[in-house]
Protein backbone atom coordinates (compact mmCIF):
# COMPACT_ATOMS: atom_id res chain seq x y z
CA UNK A 1 28.36 11.55 16.09
CA UNK A 2 25.05 13.21 15.79
CA UNK A 3 24.62 15.61 12.70
CA UNK A 4 21.86 17.55 11.51
CA UNK A 5 21.66 17.59 7.61
CA UNK A 6 19.06 19.83 5.71
CA UNK A 7 18.09 17.77 2.69
CA UNK A 8 15.51 18.51 0.34
CA UNK A 9 14.29 21.29 2.76
CA UNK A 10 13.95 19.19 5.78
CA UNK A 11 16.31 18.91 8.74
CA UNK A 12 17.07 15.47 9.43
CA UNK A 13 19.18 14.21 12.34
CA UNK A 14 21.37 11.29 11.79
CA UNK A 15 23.87 9.40 13.80
CA UNK A 16 27.03 8.63 11.67
CA UNK A 17 30.87 7.89 12.20
CA UNK A 18 33.03 10.96 11.50
CA UNK A 19 34.19 9.12 8.38
CA UNK A 20 30.86 8.42 6.75
CA UNK A 21 30.70 9.91 3.36
CA UNK A 22 27.89 12.10 2.26
CA UNK A 23 26.64 9.59 -0.27
CA UNK A 24 26.36 6.86 2.19
CA UNK A 25 24.42 9.18 4.94
CA UNK A 26 21.93 9.90 2.13
CA UNK A 27 21.46 6.61 0.96
CA UNK A 28 21.94 4.34 4.22
CA UNK A 29 20.91 6.48 7.03
CA UNK A 30 18.28 8.63 5.03
CA UNK A 31 16.90 6.26 2.42
CA UNK A 32 17.57 8.54 -0.31
CA UNK A 33 18.65 5.89 -3.03
CA UNK A 34 18.41 8.35 -5.91
CA UNK A 35 21.85 9.31 -5.40
CA UNK A 36 23.77 6.58 -6.99
CA UNK A 37 27.20 5.11 -6.20
CA UNK A 38 29.18 4.54 -9.32
CA UNK A 39 32.83 4.47 -8.70
CA UNK A 40 33.53 5.42 -5.00
CA UNK A 41 36.43 7.62 -6.46
CA UNK A 42 34.87 10.87 -7.74
CA UNK A 43 35.47 9.79 -11.36
CA UNK A 44 32.08 9.11 -12.60
CA UNK A 45 29.60 11.65 -10.98
CA UNK A 46 26.64 9.39 -10.36
CA UNK A 47 26.41 10.50 -6.66
CA UNK A 48 26.26 14.30 -7.44
CA UNK A 49 24.09 16.24 -5.53
CA UNK A 50 23.55 20.11 -4.94
CA UNK A 51 25.23 21.49 -1.65
CA UNK A 52 24.16 25.29 -1.18
CA UNK A 53 22.94 25.26 -4.90
CA UNK A 54 26.30 23.85 -6.43
CA UNK A 55 27.01 20.53 -7.73
CA UNK A 56 29.21 18.31 -5.60
CA UNK A 57 30.30 14.83 -5.78
CA UNK A 58 28.87 13.27 -2.43
CA UNK A 59 31.50 10.35 -2.46
CA UNK A 60 33.96 13.33 -1.85
CA UNK A 61 32.17 14.89 1.14
CA UNK A 62 32.12 13.74 4.45
CA UNK A 63 28.57 13.93 5.97
CA UNK A 64 29.92 16.07 8.96
CA UNK A 65 31.34 18.53 6.21
CA UNK A 66 27.71 19.01 5.00
CA UNK A 67 26.13 20.03 8.30
CA UNK A 68 24.57 23.48 8.22
CA UNK A 69 24.33 23.19 4.43
CA UNK A 70 21.37 22.99 2.18
CA UNK A 71 21.53 19.57 0.38
CA UNK A 72 19.35 18.82 -2.62
CA UNK A 73 19.06 15.28 -3.99
CA UNK A 74 17.48 14.02 -7.28
CA UNK A 75 14.24 13.23 -5.04
CA UNK A 76 14.16 17.20 -4.11
CA UNK A 77 13.88 18.38 -7.62
CA UNK A 78 10.31 17.54 -8.43
CA UNK A 79 7.74 20.02 -7.35
CA UNK A 80 5.55 19.15 -4.14
CA UNK A 81 2.61 17.97 -6.60
CA UNK A 82 4.89 15.56 -8.54
CA UNK A 83 5.55 17.67 -11.19
CA UNK A 84 9.25 17.39 -12.65
CA UNK A 85 11.72 20.06 -12.42
CA UNK A 86 12.46 21.44 -16.03
CA UNK A 87 15.74 19.63 -16.32
CA UNK A 88 14.02 16.30 -15.16
CA UNK A 89 11.50 16.91 -18.04
CA UNK A 90 13.98 17.94 -20.57
CA UNK A 91 15.81 14.69 -20.01
CA UNK A 92 12.58 12.78 -20.39
CA UNK A 93 11.38 14.70 -23.60
CA UNK A 94 14.87 14.46 -25.28
CA UNK A 95 15.61 11.04 -24.31
CA UNK A 96 18.59 12.06 -22.46
CA UNK A 97 19.30 8.75 -20.64
CA UNK A 98 19.56 5.20 -21.51
CA UNK A 99 20.18 2.91 -18.78
CA UNK A 100 19.48 5.60 -16.31
CA UNK A 101 22.37 4.95 -13.73
CA UNK A 102 24.06 8.48 -14.55
CA UNK A 103 21.03 10.29 -14.80
CA UNK A 104 20.47 11.48 -11.52
CA UNK A 105 23.93 12.77 -10.99
CA UNK A 106 23.80 14.07 -14.57
CA UNK A 107 20.68 15.99 -13.83
CA UNK A 108 21.76 17.49 -10.76
CA UNK A 109 25.11 18.56 -12.36
CA UNK A 110 23.22 20.03 -15.24
CA UNK A 111 20.89 22.07 -12.92
CA UNK A 112 23.79 23.53 -11.27
CA UNK A 113 25.68 24.19 -14.64
CA UNK A 114 22.57 26.18 -16.03
CA UNK A 115 22.16 28.10 -12.83
CA UNK A 116 25.89 29.24 -13.11
CA UNK A 117 26.27 29.64 -16.72
CA UNK A 118 22.84 30.72 -18.05
CA UNK A 119 24.52 31.46 -21.63
CA UNK A 120 25.54 27.84 -22.41
CA UNK A 121 26.17 26.67 -25.86
CA UNK A 122 26.84 22.82 -26.71
CA UNK A 123 30.69 23.17 -26.00
CA UNK A 124 29.97 24.73 -22.59
CA UNK A 125 27.52 21.87 -21.97
CA UNK A 126 29.90 19.42 -22.78
CA UNK A 127 32.82 21.02 -20.73
CA UNK A 128 30.57 21.60 -17.94
CA UNK A 129 29.47 17.90 -17.61
CA UNK A 130 32.81 16.30 -18.14
CA UNK A 131 33.10 15.10 -14.76
CA UNK A 132 29.88 12.88 -15.15
CA UNK A 133 30.18 9.90 -17.18
CA UNK A 134 27.64 8.13 -19.19
CA UNK A 135 28.70 4.48 -19.94
CA UNK A 136 25.95 4.27 -22.52
CA UNK A 137 27.43 7.10 -24.68
CA UNK A 138 24.18 8.94 -24.35
CA UNK A 139 25.82 12.54 -24.45
CA UNK A 140 24.15 13.88 -27.47
CA UNK A 141 20.76 13.74 -26.20
CA UNK A 142 22.17 14.88 -22.70
CA UNK A 143 23.45 18.03 -24.13
CA UNK A 144 20.36 18.49 -26.05
CA UNK A 145 18.16 17.84 -22.86
CA UNK A 146 20.42 20.42 -21.05
CA UNK A 147 20.26 23.16 -23.66
CA UNK A 148 16.53 22.65 -24.06
CA UNK A 149 16.16 22.99 -20.22
CA UNK A 150 18.22 26.34 -20.44
CA UNK A 151 15.78 27.63 -22.95
CA UNK A 152 18.62 27.30 -25.81
CA UNK A 153 16.87 24.62 -28.13
CA UNK A 154 19.36 22.37 -29.44
């Protein structure tokens, strides 16, 4: 079926099977490979994107369900001039990544978390990101990066 997805501010029409997951529509149909596939069962969070400003694991959403919503992927966070989003910058400066596989999903979840809960502390960040797994155990620097981006120097 033909659907129109608004991704990173641009309306894009794609032809997908009704059972196509949003993560596959983003990666395979739109070429937005920054959204990673980690577990295919919603356990890891590597596929996290923003749907209408709130984080969602795109392996749990059918592409047809996202029609009419505003979807933001990791590729859509940076400014038009290439400047990094404050969360991306904080992950960079605080060394909030190791292998980097979880980073796009972690950044997207963190952006939503800070937007929803501006008065975060370390415990709040850890609880808020518990659905996103880092297999390299880089959580200390991830938490520090989120707090830094939120203006709560860790």
